[in-house]
Amino acid sequence: MTVFENIKNKNIDEFVNWLSEHCSFDYAPWWKWWDENYCKKCESETAYVEAFEKECEHAYCELNGNCRFFLDMGDIPDEKQVIKMWLESRDEEERC
């Protein structure tokens, strides 16, 4: 069996694990997808920061420890959850 065949034969959870272990980097396509679809659409919130003695803008997740788009998850989705959501999302090239 070739490497490609081995990868093709993985179920989605096995493939998610494989991508997370072998292809994790800051500009991975799933992080770009996450940023475009969620982070950039999330309005910042103002909160007082004692260390600076002033109010500062913060992302919702920084203040609350979870994502406003996925409140049912409890925590901010981890990389494997983001990869799986990305793999299950509609292919952007298909829309053109």
C-alpha atoms as a PDB file:
ATOM      1  CA  MET A   1       0.000   0.000   0.000  1.00  0.00           C
ATOM      2  CA  THR A   2       1.311   3.466  -0.837  1.00  0.00           C
ATOM      3  CA  VAL A   3       1.409   6.366   1.606  1.00  0.00           C
ATOM      4  CA  PHE A   4      -1.360   8.048  -0.393  1.00  0.00           C
ATOM      5  CA  GLU A   5      -3.547   4.928  -0.247  1.00  0.00           C
ATOM      6  CA  ASN A   6      -2.930   4.683   3.482  1.00  0.00           C
ATOM      7  CA  ILE A   7      -4.024   8.302   3.970  1.00  0.00           C
ATOM      8  CA  LYS A   8      -7.051   7.847   1.671  1.00  0.00           C
ATOM      9  CA  ASN A   9      -8.194   4.818   3.660  1.00  0.00           C
ATOM     10  CA  LYS A  10      -8.317   6.665   6.994  1.00  0.00           C
ATOM     11  CA  ASN A  11     -11.686   7.573   8.454  1.00  0.00           C
ATOM     12  CA  ILE A  12     -12.199  11.240   9.313  1.00  0.00           C
ATOM     13  CA  ASP A  13     -11.081  10.900  12.951  1.00  0.00           C
ATOM     14  CA  GLU A  14      -7.924   9.021  11.977  1.00  0.00           C
ATOM     15  CA  PHE A  15      -7.206  11.655   9.318  1.00  0.00           C
ATOM     16  CA  VAL A  16      -7.784  14.489  11.819  1.00  0.00           C
ATOM     17  CA  ASN A  17      -5.285  12.870  14.191  1.00  0.00           C
ATOM     18  CA  TRP A  18      -2.794  12.356  11.366  1.00  0.00           C
ATOM     19  CA  LEU A  19      -3.079  16.000  10.225  1.00  0.00           C
ATOM     20  CA  SER A  20      -2.729  17.259  13.794  1.00  0.00           C
ATOM     21  CA  GLU A  21       0.390  15.147  14.360  1.00  0.00           C
ATOM     22  CA  HIS A  22       2.096  15.756  11.007  1.00  0.00           C
ATOM     23  CA  CYS A  23       0.821  19.009   9.530  1.00  0.00           C
ATOM     24  CA  SER A  24       0.325  21.391  12.423  1.00  0.00           C
ATOM     25  CA  PHE A  25       1.642  24.910  11.811  1.00  0.00           C
ATOM     26  CA  ASP A  26       0.410  28.470  12.400  1.00  0.00           C
ATOM     27  CA  TYR A  27      -0.818  29.048   8.855  1.00  0.00           C
ATOM     28  CA  ALA A  28      -2.403  25.654   8.279  1.00  0.00           C
ATOM     29  CA  PRO A  29      -5.506  25.920   6.071  1.00  0.00           C
ATOM     30  CA  TRP A  30      -7.830  25.008   8.942  1.00  0.00           C
ATOM     31  CA  TRP A  31      -6.539  27.942  11.042  1.00  0.00           C
ATOM     32  CA  LYS A  32      -7.039  30.306   8.104  1.00  0.00           C
ATOM     33  CA  TRP A  33     -10.564  28.922   7.662  1.00  0.00           C
ATOM     34  CA  TRP A  34     -11.262  29.303  11.420  1.00  0.00           C
ATOM     35  CA  ASP A  35      -9.973  32.873  11.459  1.00  0.00           C
ATOM     36  CA  GLU A  36     -12.016  33.913   8.405  1.00  0.00           C
ATOM     37  CA  ASN A  37     -15.249  32.239   9.510  1.00  0.00           C
ATOM     38  CA  TYR A  38     -15.189  32.930  13.226  1.00  0.00           C
ATOM     39  CA  CYS A  39     -12.434  35.126  14.694  1.00  0.00           C
ATOM     40  CA  LYS A  40     -12.783  37.945  12.166  1.00  0.00           C
ATOM     41  CA  LYS A  41     -16.572  37.923  12.638  1.00  0.00           C
ATOM     42  CA  CYS A  42     -16.334  38.137  16.425  1.00  0.00           C
ATOM     43  CA  GLU A  43     -16.716  41.626  17.854  1.00  0.00           C
ATOM     44  CA  SER A  44     -14.212  42.554  20.533  1.00  0.00           C
ATOM     45  CA  GLU A  45     -15.294  43.502  24.034  1.00  0.00           C
ATOM     46  CA  THR A  46     -13.984  46.132  26.371  1.00  0.00           C
ATOM     47  CA  ALA A  47     -12.746  45.112  29.803  1.00  0.00           C
ATOM     48  CA  TYR A  48     -10.736  46.797  32.516  1.00  0.00           C
ATOM     49  CA  VAL A  49      -7.152  45.532  32.859  1.00  0.00           C
ATOM     50  CA  GLU A  50      -5.716  46.205  36.305  1.00  0.00           C
ATOM     51  CA  ALA A  51      -2.113  45.807  35.154  1.00  0.00           C
ATOM     52  CA  PHE A  52      -2.564  48.692  32.710  1.00  0.00           C
ATOM     53  CA  GLU A  53      -5.117  50.543  34.854  1.00  0.00           C
ATOM     54  CA  LYS A  54      -7.350  51.125  31.850  1.00  0.00           C
ATOM     55  CA  GLU A  55      -9.965  49.517  29.663  1.00  0.00           C
ATOM     56  CA  CYS A  56      -8.710  47.491  26.699  1.00  0.00           C
ATOM     57  CA  GLU A  57     -10.286  45.631  23.788  1.00  0.00           C
ATOM     58  CA  HIS A  58     -10.297  41.837  24.050  1.00  0.00           C
ATOM     59  CA  ALA A  59     -11.564  38.947  21.999  1.00  0.00           C
ATOM     60  CA  TYR A  60     -14.624  37.243  23.487  1.00  0.00           C
ATOM     61  CA  CYS A  61     -12.649  34.000  23.921  1.00  0.00           C
ATOM     62  CA  GLU A  62      -9.896  35.782  25.869  1.00  0.00           C
ATOM     63  CA  LEU A  63     -12.398  37.083  28.400  1.00  0.00           C
ATOM     64  CA  ASN A  64     -14.675  34.076  28.633  1.00  0.00           C
ATOM     65  CA  GLY A  65     -12.542  31.020  27.879  1.00  0.00           C
ATOM     66  CA  ASN A  66     -14.910  29.789  25.184  1.00  0.00           C
ATOM     67  CA  CYS A  67     -15.979  30.728  21.668  1.00  0.00           C
ATOM     68  CA  ARG A  68     -19.199  32.729  21.306  1.00  0.00           C
ATOM     69  CA  PHE A  69     -20.008  30.703  18.173  1.00  0.00           C
ATOM     70  CA  PHE A  70     -19.697  27.359  19.995  1.00  0.00           C
ATOM     71  CA  LEU A  71     -20.978  27.999  23.503  1.00  0.00           C
ATOM     72  CA  ASP A  72     -22.155  24.381  23.801  1.00  0.00           C
ATOM     73  CA  MET A  73     -18.528  23.177  23.601  1.00  0.00           C
ATOM     74  CA  GLY A  74     -17.610  24.852  26.870  1.00  0.00           C
ATOM     75  CA  ASP A  75     -13.993  25.516  25.926  1.00  0.00           C
ATOM     76  CA  ILE A  76     -12.398  27.084  22.886  1.00  0.00           C
ATOM     77  CA  PRO A  77     -12.258  24.334  20.223  1.00  0.00           C
ATOM     78  CA  ASP A  78      -8.867  22.639  20.128  1.00  0.00           C
ATOM     79  CA  GLU A  79      -6.902  21.982  16.958  1.00  0.00           C
ATOM     80  CA  LYS A  80      -8.420  18.553  16.321  1.00  0.00           C
ATOM     81  CA  GLN A  81     -11.947  19.951  16.650  1.00  0.00           C
ATOM     82  CA  VAL A  82     -11.081  22.812  14.276  1.00  0.00           C
ATOM     83  CA  ILE A  83      -9.530  20.409  11.741  1.00  0.00           C
ATOM     84  CA  LYS A  84     -12.639  18.201  11.807  1.00  0.00           C
ATOM     85  CA  MET A  85     -14.963  21.203  11.372  1.00  0.00           C
ATOM     86  CA  TRP A  86     -12.773  22.412   8.481  1.00  0.00           C
ATOM     87  CA  LEU A  87     -12.820  18.987   6.790  1.00  0.00           C
ATOM     88  CA  GLU A  88     -16.607  18.822   7.148  1.00  0.00           C
ATOM     89  CA  SER A  89     -17.133  22.368   5.814  1.00  0.00           C
ATOM     90  CA  ARG A  90     -18.117  23.131   2.235  1.00  0.00           C
ATOM     91  CA  ASP A  91     -15.228  23.377  -0.206  1.00  0.00           C
ATOM     92  CA  GLU A  92     -14.743  27.070  -1.002  1.00  0.00           C
ATOM     93  CA  GLU A  93     -13.650  26.327  -4.582  1.00  0.00           C
ATOM     94  CA  GLU A  94     -16.967  24.566  -5.152  1.00  0.00           C
ATOM     95  CA  ARG A  95     -18.833  27.882  -4.762  1.00  0.00           C
ATOM     96  CA  CYS A  96     -17.062  29.519  -7.733  1.00  0.00           C
END
